[in-house]
Amino acid sequence: MKLITDLEQAFESFRREFDKFERGNKSAGTRARKNLQDIKKISQDIRNYIQESKKDEEAK
């Protein structure tokens, strides 16, 4: 599923940027926060997909 792949990629990007931030690269902190926003959005998309799937199943 594309959403899961997107979530995995966003998390890996976050992890790389957070590691850089931990080593003192302050601008990597900004990129890590952006990755967290992306993760939040993708997570919400997955939640919506699950909810819609449940509604569709109940309608049958």
PDB file of N, CA and C in Angstrom:
ATOM      1  N   MET A   1       0.846  -1.178   0.000  1.00  0.00           N
ATOM      2  CA  MET A   1       0.000   0.000   0.000  1.00  0.00           C
ATOM      3  C   MET A   1       0.892   1.242   0.000  1.00  0.00           C
ATOM      4  N   LYS A   2       0.561   2.189  -0.850  1.00  0.00           N
ATOM      5  CA  LYS A   2       1.389   3.384  -1.009  1.00  0.00           C
ATOM      6  C   LYS A   2       1.503   4.203   0.270  1.00  0.00           C
ATOM      7  N   LEU A   3       0.409   4.318   1.022  1.00  0.00           N
ATOM      8  CA  LEU A   3       0.458   5.111   2.254  1.00  0.00           C
ATOM      9  C   LEU A   3       1.462   4.547   3.250  1.00  0.00           C
ATOM     10  N   ILE A   4       1.532   3.236   3.354  1.00  0.00           N
ATOM     11  CA  ILE A   4       2.486   2.617   4.277  1.00  0.00           C
ATOM     12  C   ILE A   4       3.918   2.872   3.813  1.00  0.00           C
ATOM     13  N   THR A   5       4.139   2.753   2.519  1.00  0.00           N
ATOM     14  CA  THR A   5       5.468   3.038   1.962  1.00  0.00           C
ATOM     15  C   THR A   5       5.850   4.490   2.226  1.00  0.00           C
ATOM     16  N   ASP A   6       4.908   5.409   2.022  1.00  0.00           N
ATOM     17  CA  ASP A   6       5.159   6.833   2.280  1.00  0.00           C
ATOM     18  C   ASP A   6       5.505   7.068   3.751  1.00  0.00           C
ATOM     19  N   LEU A   7       4.779   6.392   4.640  1.00  0.00           N
ATOM     20  CA  LEU A   7       5.030   6.537   6.072  1.00  0.00           C
ATOM     21  C   LEU A   7       6.423   6.028   6.431  1.00  0.00           C
ATOM     22  N   GLU A   8       6.796   4.893   5.894  1.00  0.00           N
ATOM     23  CA  GLU A   8       8.124   4.333   6.153  1.00  0.00           C
ATOM     24  C   GLU A   8       9.222   5.268   5.659  1.00  0.00           C
ATOM     25  N   GLN A   9       9.048   5.816   4.455  1.00  0.00           N
ATOM     26  CA  GLN A   9      10.047   6.727   3.898  1.00  0.00           C
ATOM     27  C   GLN A   9      10.151   8.009   4.725  1.00  0.00           C
ATOM     28  N   ALA A  10       9.003   8.539   5.149  1.00  0.00           N
ATOM     29  CA  ALA A  10       9.008   9.755   5.965  1.00  0.00           C
ATOM     30  C   ALA A  10       9.710   9.500   7.296  1.00  0.00           C
ATOM     31  N   PHE A  11       9.465   8.333   7.881  1.00  0.00           N
ATOM     32  CA  PHE A  11      10.113   8.023   9.157  1.00  0.00           C
ATOM     33  C   PHE A  11      11.623   7.877   8.992  1.00  0.00           C
ATOM     34  N   GLU A  12      12.046   7.225   7.924  1.00  0.00           N
ATOM     35  CA  GLU A  12      13.482   7.081   7.682  1.00  0.00           C
ATOM     36  C   GLU A  12      14.140   8.440   7.472  1.00  0.00           C
ATOM     37  N   SER A  13      13.465   9.334   6.752  1.00  0.00           N
ATOM     38  CA  SER A  13      13.994  10.694   6.562  1.00  0.00           C
ATOM     39  C   SER A  13      14.093  11.417   7.894  1.00  0.00           C
ATOM     40  N   PHE A  14      13.067  11.264   8.712  1.00  0.00           N
ATOM     41  CA  PHE A  14      13.084  11.874  10.044  1.00  0.00           C
ATOM     42  C   PHE A  14      14.266  11.351  10.850  1.00  0.00           C
ATOM     43  N   ARG A  15      14.436  10.043  10.834  1.00  0.00           N
ATOM     44  CA  ARG A  15      15.512   9.422  11.617  1.00  0.00           C
ATOM     45  C   ARG A  15      16.885   9.950  11.203  1.00  0.00           C
ATOM     46  N   ARG A  16      17.109  10.064   9.880  1.00  0.00           N
ATOM     47  CA  ARG A  16      18.401  10.590   9.399  1.00  0.00           C
ATOM     48  C   ARG A  16      18.615  12.024   9.861  1.00  0.00           C
ATOM     49  N   GLU A  17      17.583  12.857   9.690  1.00  0.00           N
ATOM     50  CA  GLU A  17      17.721  14.267  10.065  1.00  0.00           C
ATOM     51  C   GLU A  17      17.863  14.431  11.581  1.00  0.00           C
ATOM     52  N   PHE A  18      17.149  13.616  12.337  1.00  0.00           N
ATOM     53  CA  PHE A  18      17.259  13.705  13.794  1.00  0.00           C
ATOM     54  C   PHE A  18      18.658  13.307  14.259  1.00  0.00           C
ATOM     55  N   ASP A  19      19.235  12.283  13.631  1.00  0.00           N
ATOM     56  CA  ASP A  19      20.607  11.894  13.961  1.00  0.00           C
ATOM     57  C   ASP A  19      21.579  13.041  13.694  1.00  0.00           C
ATOM     58  N   LYS A  20      21.394  13.717  12.569  1.00  0.00           N
ATOM     59  CA  LYS A  20      22.243  14.876  12.254  1.00  0.00           C
ATOM     60  C   LYS A  20      22.057  15.966  13.297  1.00  0.00           C
ATOM     61  N   PHE A  21      20.816  16.198  13.686  1.00  0.00           N
ATOM     62  CA  PHE A  21      20.523  17.210  14.703  1.00  0.00           C
ATOM     63  C   PHE A  21      21.211  16.860  16.020  1.00  0.00           C
ATOM     64  N   GLU A  22      21.143  15.604  16.410  1.00  0.00           N
ATOM     65  CA  GLU A  22      21.765  15.146  17.658  1.00  0.00           C
ATOM     66  C   GLU A  22      23.281  15.366  17.641  1.00  0.00           C
ATOM     67  N   ARG A  23      23.881  15.351  16.456  1.00  0.00           N
ATOM     68  CA  ARG A  23      25.320  15.570  16.341  1.00  0.00           C
ATOM     69  C   ARG A  23      25.672  17.050  16.232  1.00  0.00           C
ATOM     70  N   GLY A  24      24.660  17.931  16.330  1.00  0.00           N
ATOM     71  CA  GLY A  24      24.943  19.358  16.365  1.00  0.00           C
ATOM     72  C   GLY A  24      24.516  20.151  15.145  1.00  0.00           C
ATOM     73  N   ASN A  25      23.958  19.515  14.131  1.00  0.00           N
ATOM     74  CA  ASN A  25      23.517  20.225  12.937  1.00  0.00           C
ATOM     75  C   ASN A  25      22.118  20.808  13.209  1.00  0.00           C
ATOM     76  N   LYS A  26      22.077  22.068  13.569  1.00  0.00           N
ATOM     77  CA  LYS A  26      20.815  22.687  13.983  1.00  0.00           C
ATOM     78  C   LYS A  26      19.803  22.791  12.851  1.00  0.00           C
ATOM     79  N   SER A  27      20.246  22.989  11.617  1.00  0.00           N
ATOM     80  CA  SER A  27      19.296  23.089  10.511  1.00  0.00           C
ATOM     81  C   SER A  27      18.628  21.741  10.230  1.00  0.00           C
ATOM     82  N   ALA A  28      19.272  20.664  10.627  1.00  0.00           N
ATOM     83  CA  ALA A  28      18.652  19.344  10.473  1.00  0.00           C
ATOM     84  C   ALA A  28      17.434  19.225  11.389  1.00  0.00           C
ATOM     85  N   GLY A  29      17.420  19.972  12.481  1.00  0.00           N
ATOM     86  CA  GLY A  29      16.266  19.978  13.381  1.00  0.00           C
ATOM     87  C   GLY A  29      15.019  20.492  12.675  1.00  0.00           C
ATOM     88  N   THR A  30      15.175  21.499  11.849  1.00  0.00           N
ATOM     89  CA  THR A  30      14.054  22.035  11.071  1.00  0.00           C
ATOM     90  C   THR A  30      13.529  20.979  10.110  1.00  0.00           C
ATOM     91  N   ARG A  31      14.441  20.291   9.442  1.00  0.00           N
ATOM     92  CA  ARG A  31      14.028  19.247   8.514  1.00  0.00           C
ATOM     93  C   ARG A  31      13.377  18.074   9.251  1.00  0.00           C
ATOM     94  N   ALA A  32      13.869  17.760  10.438  1.00  0.00           N
ATOM     95  CA  ALA A  32      13.271  16.679  11.236  1.00  0.00           C
ATOM     96  C   ALA A  32      11.842  17.050  11.630  1.00  0.00           C
ATOM     97  N   ARG A  33      11.629  18.299  12.016  1.00  0.00           N
ATOM     98  CA  ARG A  33      10.274  18.739  12.373  1.00  0.00           C
ATOM     99  C   ARG A  33       9.345  18.671  11.164  1.00  0.00           C
ATOM    100  N   LYS A  34       9.857  19.021   9.982  1.00  0.00           N
ATOM    101  CA  LYS A  34       9.044  18.918   8.763  1.00  0.00           C
ATOM    102  C   LYS A  34       8.677  17.455   8.498  1.00  0.00           C
ATOM    103  N   ASN A  35       9.637  16.564   8.696  1.00  0.00           N
ATOM    104  CA  ASN A  35       9.347  15.147   8.514  1.00  0.00           C
ATOM    105  C   ASN A  35       8.263  14.683   9.483  1.00  0.00           C
ATOM    106  N   LEU A  36       8.290  15.184  10.708  1.00  0.00           N
ATOM    107  CA  LEU A  36       7.251  14.823  11.671  1.00  0.00           C
ATOM    108  C   LEU A  36       5.883  15.321  11.216  1.00  0.00           C
ATOM    109  N   GLN A  37       5.846  16.493  10.615  1.00  0.00           N
ATOM    110  CA  GLN A  37       4.573  16.996  10.070  1.00  0.00           C
ATOM    111  C   GLN A  37       4.082  16.088   8.946  1.00  0.00           C
ATOM    112  N   ASP A  38       5.007  15.644   8.096  1.00  0.00           N
ATOM    113  CA  ASP A  38       4.645  14.722   7.016  1.00  0.00           C
ATOM    114  C   ASP A  38       4.102  13.412   7.582  1.00  0.00           C
ATOM    115  N   ILE A  39       4.761  12.904   8.631  1.00  0.00           N
ATOM    116  CA  ILE A  39       4.311  11.674   9.274  1.00  0.00           C
ATOM    117  C   ILE A  39       2.908  11.861   9.838  1.00  0.00           C
ATOM    118  N   LYS A  40       2.672  13.006  10.446  1.00  0.00           N
ATOM    119  CA  LYS A  40       1.344  13.297  11.006  1.00  0.00           C
ATOM    120  C   LYS A  40       0.280  13.288   9.907  1.00  0.00           C
ATOM    121  N   LYS A  41       0.584  13.924   8.774  1.00  0.00           N
ATOM    122  CA  LYS A  41      -0.375  13.980   7.670  1.00  0.00           C
ATOM    123  C   LYS A  41      -0.646  12.591   7.095  1.00  0.00           C
ATOM    124  N   ILE A  42       0.417  11.835   6.863  1.00  0.00           N
ATOM    125  CA  ILE A  42       0.257  10.498   6.305  1.00  0.00           C
ATOM    126  C   ILE A  42      -0.524   9.615   7.277  1.00  0.00           C
ATOM    127  N   SER A  43      -0.230   9.744   8.561  1.00  0.00           N
ATOM    128  CA  SER A  43      -0.955   8.966   9.572  1.00  0.00           C
ATOM    129  C   SER A  43      -2.439   9.294   9.541  1.00  0.00           C
ATOM    130  N   GLN A  44      -2.768  10.560   9.398  1.00  0.00           N
ATOM    131  CA  GLN A  44      -4.179  10.957   9.313  1.00  0.00           C
ATOM    132  C   GLN A  44      -4.824  10.385   8.055  1.00  0.00           C
ATOM    133  N   ASP A  45      -4.093  10.377   6.951  1.00  0.00           N
ATOM    134  CA  ASP A  45      -4.613   9.783   5.713  1.00  0.00           C
ATOM    135  C   ASP A  45      -4.902   8.293   5.902  1.00  0.00           C
ATOM    136  N   ILE A  46      -4.009   7.609   6.616  1.00  0.00           N
ATOM    137  CA  ILE A  46      -4.224   6.188   6.883  1.00  0.00           C
ATOM    138  C   ILE A  46      -5.444   5.990   7.775  1.00  0.00           C
ATOM    139  N   ARG A  47      -5.578   6.822   8.795  1.00  0.00           N
ATOM    140  CA  ARG A  47      -6.755   6.741   9.667  1.00  0.00           C
ATOM    141  C   ARG A  47      -8.037   6.924   8.863  1.00  0.00           C
ATOM    142  N   ASN A  48      -8.045   7.897   7.976  1.00  0.00           N
ATOM    143  CA  ASN A  48      -9.226   8.141   7.151  1.00  0.00           C
ATOM    144  C   ASN A  48      -9.515   6.955   6.240  1.00  0.00           C
ATOM    145  N   TYR A  49      -8.479   6.385   5.668  1.00  0.00           N
ATOM    146  CA  TYR A  49      -8.647   5.210   4.808  1.00  0.00           C
ATOM    147  C   TYR A  49      -9.280   4.054   5.586  1.00  0.00           C
ATOM    148  N   ILE A  50      -8.781   3.815   6.783  1.00  0.00           N
ATOM    149  CA  ILE A  50      -9.315   2.732   7.615  1.00  0.00           C
ATOM    150  C   ILE A  50     -10.784   3.000   7.950  1.00  0.00           C
ATOM    151  N   GLN A  51     -11.081   4.227   8.339  1.00  0.00           N
ATOM    152  CA  GLN A  51     -12.459   4.565   8.691  1.00  0.00           C
ATOM    153  C   GLN A  51     -13.401   4.391   7.495  1.00  0.00           C
ATOM    154  N   GLU A  52     -12.978   4.847   6.334  1.00  0.00           N
ATOM    155  CA  GLU A  52     -13.801   4.695   5.137  1.00  0.00           C
ATOM    156  C   GLU A  52     -13.995   3.220   4.777  1.00  0.00           C
ATOM    157  N   SER A  53     -12.939   2.438   4.942  1.00  0.00           N
ATOM    158  CA  SER A  53     -13.043   1.011   4.662  1.00  0.00           C
ATOM    159  C   SER A  53     -14.043   0.341   5.596  1.00  0.00           C
ATOM    160  N   LYS A  54     -14.020   0.750   6.858  1.00  0.00           N
ATOM    161  CA  LYS A  54     -14.968   0.194   7.826  1.00  0.00           C
ATOM    162  C   LYS A  54     -16.402   0.573   7.452  1.00  0.00           C
ATOM    163  N   LYS A  55     -16.610   1.828   7.059  1.00  0.00           N
ATOM    164  CA  LYS A  55     -17.944   2.283   6.666  1.00  0.00           C
ATOM    165  C   LYS A  55     -18.442   1.517   5.433  1.00  0.00           C
ATOM    166  N   ASP A  56     -17.544   1.333   4.466  1.00  0.00           N
ATOM    167  CA  ASP A  56     -17.919   0.601   3.253  1.00  0.00           C
ATOM    168  C   ASP A  56     -18.284  -0.829   3.576  1.00  0.00           C
ATOM    169  N   GLU A  57     -17.550  -1.448   4.474  1.00  0.00           N
ATOM    170  CA  GLU A  57     -17.821  -2.828   4.865  1.00  0.00           C
ATOM    171  C   GLU A  57     -19.175  -2.951   5.593  1.00  0.00           C
ATOM    172  N   GLU A  58     -19.472  -1.981   6.439  1.00  0.00           N
ATOM    173  CA  GLU A  58     -20.730  -1.990   7.176  1.00  0.00           C
ATOM    174  C   GLU A  58     -21.922  -1.762   6.245  1.00  0.00           C
ATOM    175  N   ALA A  59     -21.711  -1.029   5.157  1.00  0.00           N
ATOM    176  CA  ALA A  59     -22.797  -0.722   4.231  1.00  0.00           C
ATOM    177  C   ALA A  59     -23.183  -1.942   3.393  1.00  0.00           C
ATOM    178  N   LYS A  60     -22.324  -2.930   3.345  1.00  0.00           N
ATOM    179  CA  LYS A  60     -22.599  -4.109   2.516  1.00  0.00           C
ATOM    180  C   LYS A  60     -23.585  -5.036   3.180  1.00  0.00           C
TER     181      LYS A  60
END
